[in-house]
């Protein structure tokens, strides 16, 4: 597997789309880890839950490792390209008087 295939597989395991925020990754991990935690599974499913829990944890670690080493571009053009429809109002409301 190449590096990108690990990212794709991790997104698949965490049931994420190809575009997700850090918070979405965190919430997907929390939801699935609660569902598959060995202490919360029935006795007969404990081993399969433990394996799924390890898989979910590895997927989260892969994605966070990728995110933590990601380089961000702080240019006006890039900012405008990634601006959500309501982000401009948010920046004006909360950060207008900072500088």
N, C-alpha and C. Protein backbone atom coordinates (compact mmCIF):
# COMPACT_ATOMS: atom_id res chain seq x y z
N UNK A 1 0.84 -1.19 0.00
CA UNK A 1 0.00 0.00 0.00
C UNK A 1 0.88 1.23 0.00
N UNK A 2 0.50 2.23 -0.81
CA UNK A 2 1.23 3.50 -0.74
C UNK A 2 0.62 4.37 0.35
N UNK A 3 1.25 5.50 0.63
CA UNK A 3 0.80 6.37 1.72
C UNK A 3 -0.63 6.83 1.59
N UNK A 4 -1.03 7.20 0.38
CA UNK A 4 -2.40 7.70 0.20
C UNK A 4 -3.43 6.60 0.42
N UNK A 5 -3.10 5.38 0.08
CA UNK A 5 -4.04 4.27 0.31
C UNK A 5 -4.31 4.07 1.80
N UNK A 6 -3.30 4.34 2.63
CA UNK A 6 -3.52 4.27 4.08
C UNK A 6 -4.52 5.34 4.52
N UNK A 7 -4.40 6.53 3.95
CA UNK A 7 -5.34 7.62 4.27
C UNK A 7 -6.75 7.24 3.83
N UNK A 8 -6.89 6.72 2.61
CA UNK A 8 -8.21 6.32 2.11
C UNK A 8 -8.83 5.24 2.99
N UNK A 9 -8.04 4.25 3.35
CA UNK A 9 -8.53 3.16 4.20
C UNK A 9 -8.93 3.68 5.57
N UNK A 10 -8.15 4.59 6.13
CA UNK A 10 -8.48 5.18 7.44
C UNK A 10 -9.80 5.94 7.37
N UNK A 11 -10.01 6.69 6.29
CA UNK A 11 -11.29 7.41 6.12
C UNK A 11 -12.46 6.43 6.01
N UNK A 12 -12.23 5.34 5.30
CA UNK A 12 -13.27 4.32 5.15
C UNK A 12 -13.61 3.69 6.49
N UNK A 13 -12.61 3.36 7.27
CA UNK A 13 -12.82 2.74 8.59
C UNK A 13 -13.60 3.68 9.50
N UNK A 14 -13.26 4.97 9.47
CA UNK A 14 -13.93 5.94 10.34
C UNK A 14 -15.21 6.49 9.73
N UNK A 15 -15.58 5.97 8.54
CA UNK A 15 -16.81 6.35 7.86
C UNK A 15 -16.84 7.85 7.55
N UNK A 16 -15.71 8.35 7.05
CA UNK A 16 -15.57 9.76 6.71
C UNK A 16 -15.53 9.94 5.20
N UNK A 17 -15.93 11.11 4.75
CA UNK A 17 -15.78 11.43 3.34
C UNK A 17 -14.32 11.81 3.09
N UNK A 18 -14.00 12.10 1.86
CA UNK A 18 -12.61 12.47 1.54
C UNK A 18 -12.28 13.88 2.02
N UNK A 19 -13.26 14.60 2.50
CA UNK A 19 -13.04 15.95 3.03
C UNK A 19 -13.64 16.01 4.43
N UNK A 20 -12.78 16.09 5.44
CA UNK A 20 -13.26 16.11 6.82
C UNK A 20 -12.40 17.06 7.64
N UNK A 21 -13.02 17.66 8.63
CA UNK A 21 -12.28 18.52 9.55
C UNK A 21 -11.69 17.67 10.66
N UNK A 22 -10.79 18.27 11.41
CA UNK A 22 -10.19 17.57 12.57
C UNK A 22 -11.29 17.18 13.56
N UNK A 23 -12.24 18.07 13.78
CA UNK A 23 -13.34 17.76 14.71
C UNK A 23 -14.19 16.60 14.20
N UNK A 24 -14.44 16.54 12.90
CA UNK A 24 -15.22 15.43 12.35
C UNK A 24 -14.49 14.10 12.54
N UNK A 25 -13.18 14.12 12.37
CA UNK A 25 -12.39 12.91 12.61
C UNK A 25 -12.49 12.51 14.08
N UNK A 26 -12.34 13.49 14.95
CA UNK A 26 -12.39 13.23 16.39
C UNK A 26 -13.76 12.66 16.80
N UNK A 27 -14.84 13.25 16.30
CA UNK A 27 -16.17 12.78 16.66
C UNK A 27 -16.47 11.41 16.08
N UNK A 28 -16.01 11.15 14.86
CA UNK A 28 -16.19 9.83 14.26
C UNK A 28 -15.46 8.78 15.09
N UNK A 29 -14.24 9.10 15.49
CA UNK A 29 -13.46 8.18 16.32
C UNK A 29 -14.17 7.93 17.65
N UNK A 30 -14.63 8.98 18.30
CA UNK A 30 -15.30 8.82 19.60
C UNK A 30 -16.55 7.96 19.47
N UNK A 31 -17.34 8.23 18.44
CA UNK A 31 -18.57 7.48 18.24
C UNK A 31 -18.29 6.00 18.01
N UNK A 32 -17.38 5.71 17.10
CA UNK A 32 -17.07 4.32 16.79
C UNK A 32 -16.35 3.62 17.93
N UNK A 33 -15.46 4.33 18.62
CA UNK A 33 -14.75 3.68 19.73
C UNK A 33 -15.69 3.36 20.89
N UNK A 34 -16.69 4.18 21.10
CA UNK A 34 -17.70 3.86 22.13
C UNK A 34 -18.49 2.62 21.71
N UNK A 35 -18.83 2.57 20.44
CA UNK A 35 -19.63 1.45 19.95
C UNK A 35 -18.86 0.13 20.00
N UNK A 36 -17.57 0.16 19.71
CA UNK A 36 -16.79 -1.07 19.61
C UNK A 36 -15.80 -1.30 20.76
N UNK A 37 -15.86 -0.50 21.79
CA UNK A 37 -14.94 -0.71 22.91
C UNK A 37 -15.21 -2.08 23.54
N UNK A 38 -14.17 -2.86 23.77
CA UNK A 38 -14.35 -4.22 24.32
C UNK A 38 -15.12 -4.27 25.64
N UNK A 39 -15.00 -3.25 26.46
CA UNK A 39 -15.72 -3.24 27.73
C UNK A 39 -17.22 -3.03 27.56
N UNK A 40 -17.62 -2.55 26.39
CA UNK A 40 -19.04 -2.29 26.15
C UNK A 40 -19.70 -3.38 25.30
N UNK A 41 -18.92 -4.32 24.79
CA UNK A 41 -19.46 -5.40 23.96
C UNK A 41 -19.89 -6.57 24.83
N UNK A 42 -20.77 -7.37 24.27
CA UNK A 42 -21.17 -8.58 24.99
C UNK A 42 -20.00 -9.55 25.02
N UNK A 43 -20.07 -10.48 25.92
CA UNK A 43 -18.97 -11.43 26.13
C UNK A 43 -18.65 -12.22 24.87
N UNK A 44 -19.66 -12.60 24.10
CA UNK A 44 -19.43 -13.42 22.90
C UNK A 44 -18.80 -12.61 21.76
N UNK A 45 -18.94 -11.28 21.76
CA UNK A 45 -18.39 -10.43 20.70
C UNK A 45 -17.13 -9.69 21.13
N UNK A 46 -16.64 -9.96 22.31
CA UNK A 46 -15.53 -9.19 22.88
C UNK A 46 -14.29 -9.19 21.99
N UNK A 47 -13.91 -10.33 21.43
CA UNK A 47 -12.69 -10.39 20.60
C UNK A 47 -12.88 -9.62 19.28
N UNK A 48 -14.02 -9.75 18.64
CA UNK A 48 -14.25 -9.01 17.39
C UNK A 48 -14.33 -7.51 17.67
N UNK A 49 -14.91 -7.14 18.78
CA UNK A 49 -14.96 -5.72 19.16
C UNK A 49 -13.56 -5.18 19.44
N UNK A 50 -12.74 -5.99 20.10
CA UNK A 50 -11.38 -5.56 20.41
C UNK A 50 -10.58 -5.33 19.12
N UNK A 51 -10.74 -6.22 18.14
CA UNK A 51 -10.04 -6.05 16.86
C UNK A 51 -10.55 -4.82 16.12
N UNK A 52 -11.86 -4.60 16.11
CA UNK A 52 -12.44 -3.41 15.45
C UNK A 52 -11.98 -2.15 16.17
N UNK A 53 -11.91 -2.19 17.48
CA UNK A 53 -11.45 -1.04 18.27
C UNK A 53 -10.01 -0.69 17.92
N UNK A 54 -9.14 -1.70 17.80
CA UNK A 54 -7.75 -1.47 17.40
C UNK A 54 -7.67 -0.87 15.99
N UNK A 55 -8.51 -1.36 15.09
CA UNK A 55 -8.55 -0.86 13.72
C UNK A 55 -8.97 0.62 13.69
N UNK A 56 -9.97 0.96 14.47
CA UNK A 56 -10.46 2.34 14.55
C UNK A 56 -9.37 3.25 15.12
N UNK A 57 -8.69 2.79 16.15
CA UNK A 57 -7.62 3.57 16.77
C UNK A 57 -6.47 3.79 15.80
N UNK A 58 -6.08 2.75 15.05
CA UNK A 58 -5.02 2.90 14.05
C UNK A 58 -5.42 3.90 12.97
N UNK A 59 -6.67 3.85 12.54
CA UNK A 59 -7.16 4.78 11.51
C UNK A 59 -7.08 6.21 12.02
N UNK A 60 -7.51 6.43 13.24
CA UNK A 60 -7.44 7.77 13.83
C UNK A 60 -6.00 8.24 13.92
N UNK A 61 -5.10 7.37 14.35
CA UNK A 61 -3.69 7.72 14.46
C UNK A 61 -3.08 8.08 13.11
N UNK A 62 -3.43 7.35 12.07
CA UNK A 62 -2.94 7.64 10.72
C UNK A 62 -3.39 9.02 10.27
N UNK A 63 -4.68 9.32 10.45
CA UNK A 63 -5.20 10.62 10.00
C UNK A 63 -4.63 11.77 10.81
N UNK A 64 -4.52 11.61 12.12
CA UNK A 64 -3.95 12.69 12.94
C UNK A 64 -2.47 12.88 12.64
N UNK A 65 -1.76 11.81 12.37
CA UNK A 65 -0.36 11.92 12.00
C UNK A 65 -0.22 12.72 10.70
N UNK A 66 -1.08 12.44 9.75
CA UNK A 66 -1.07 13.18 8.48
C UNK A 66 -1.41 14.66 8.72
N UNK A 67 -2.43 14.91 9.50
CA UNK A 67 -2.85 16.28 9.77
C UNK A 67 -1.77 17.06 10.52
N UNK A 68 -1.15 16.42 11.49
CA UNK A 68 -0.13 17.11 12.29
C UNK A 68 1.10 17.49 11.49
N UNK A 69 1.36 16.78 10.40
CA UNK A 69 2.53 17.11 9.59
C UNK A 69 2.16 17.94 8.34
N UNK A 70 0.89 18.32 8.24
CA UNK A 70 0.41 19.07 7.08
C UNK A 70 0.91 20.51 7.14
N UNK A 71 1.31 21.03 6.02
CA UNK A 71 1.73 22.43 5.95
C UNK A 71 0.58 23.28 5.43
N UNK A 72 0.30 24.36 6.12
CA UNK A 72 -0.78 25.24 5.75
C UNK A 72 -0.25 26.41 4.94
N UNK A 73 -1.08 26.92 4.08
CA UNK A 73 -0.72 28.07 3.25
C UNK A 73 -1.53 29.26 3.76
N UNK A 74 -0.83 30.27 4.23
CA UNK A 74 -1.50 31.45 4.79
C UNK A 74 -1.41 32.62 3.81
N UNK A 75 -2.06 32.47 2.68
CA UNK A 75 -2.14 33.56 1.71
C UNK A 75 -3.59 33.97 1.57
N UNK A 76 -3.81 35.17 1.11
CA UNK A 76 -5.18 35.67 0.94
C UNK A 76 -5.93 34.83 -0.09
N UNK A 77 -5.25 34.46 -1.17
CA UNK A 77 -5.89 33.65 -2.21
C UNK A 77 -6.35 32.30 -1.66
N UNK A 78 -5.50 31.64 -0.90
CA UNK A 78 -5.86 30.35 -0.32
C UNK A 78 -6.98 30.51 0.71
N UNK A 79 -6.94 31.57 1.47
CA UNK A 79 -7.99 31.86 2.44
C UNK A 79 -9.34 31.99 1.74
N UNK A 80 -9.38 32.73 0.65
CA UNK A 80 -10.63 32.93 -0.09
C UNK A 80 -11.11 31.63 -0.73
N UNK A 81 -10.19 30.78 -1.16
CA UNK A 81 -10.57 29.50 -1.78
C UNK A 81 -11.24 28.56 -0.79
N UNK A 82 -10.86 28.65 0.46
CA UNK A 82 -11.38 27.72 1.46
C UNK A 82 -12.40 28.35 2.40
N UNK A 83 -12.82 29.53 2.09
CA UNK A 83 -13.75 30.24 2.94
C UNK A 83 -15.15 29.66 2.84
N UNK A 84 -15.70 29.25 3.94
CA UNK A 84 -17.08 28.79 3.98
C UNK A 84 -17.98 30.01 3.83
N UNK A 85 -19.21 29.82 3.36
CA UNK A 85 -20.10 30.97 3.12
C UNK A 85 -20.28 31.91 4.30
N UNK A 86 -20.32 31.40 5.51
CA UNK A 86 -20.54 32.24 6.67
C UNK A 86 -19.25 32.62 7.40
N UNK A 87 -18.09 32.21 6.89
CA UNK A 87 -16.82 32.47 7.57
C UNK A 87 -16.44 33.93 7.58
N UNK A 88 -16.70 34.64 6.51
CA UNK A 88 -16.33 36.05 6.45
C UNK A 88 -17.04 36.83 7.56
N UNK A 89 -18.31 36.57 7.75
CA UNK A 89 -19.05 37.24 8.82
C UNK A 89 -18.48 36.87 10.19
N UNK A 90 -18.08 35.63 10.35
CA UNK A 90 -17.49 35.17 11.61
C UNK A 90 -16.19 35.93 11.90
N UNK A 91 -15.32 36.04 10.89
CA UNK A 91 -14.06 36.75 11.08
C UNK A 91 -14.31 38.22 11.39
N UNK A 92 -15.23 38.84 10.69
CA UNK A 92 -15.52 40.25 10.94
C UNK A 92 -16.09 40.46 12.33
N UNK A 93 -16.93 39.54 12.78
CA UNK A 93 -17.58 39.70 14.07
C UNK A 93 -16.60 39.49 15.24
N UNK A 94 -15.76 38.47 15.15
CA UNK A 94 -14.93 38.10 16.29
C UNK A 94 -13.50 38.59 16.24
N UNK A 95 -12.96 38.92 15.08
CA UNK A 95 -11.55 39.27 14.99
C UNK A 95 -11.30 40.68 14.44
N UNK A 96 -12.34 41.43 14.20
CA UNK A 96 -12.21 42.74 13.58
C UNK A 96 -11.28 43.68 14.35
N UNK A 97 -11.39 43.70 15.66
CA UNK A 97 -10.63 44.64 16.47
C UNK A 97 -9.33 44.08 17.05
N UNK A 98 -8.85 42.98 16.55
CA UNK A 98 -7.64 42.37 17.09
C UNK A 98 -6.36 43.13 16.72
N UNK A 99 -6.35 43.70 15.55
CA UNK A 99 -5.11 44.33 15.10
C UNK A 99 -5.32 45.81 14.85
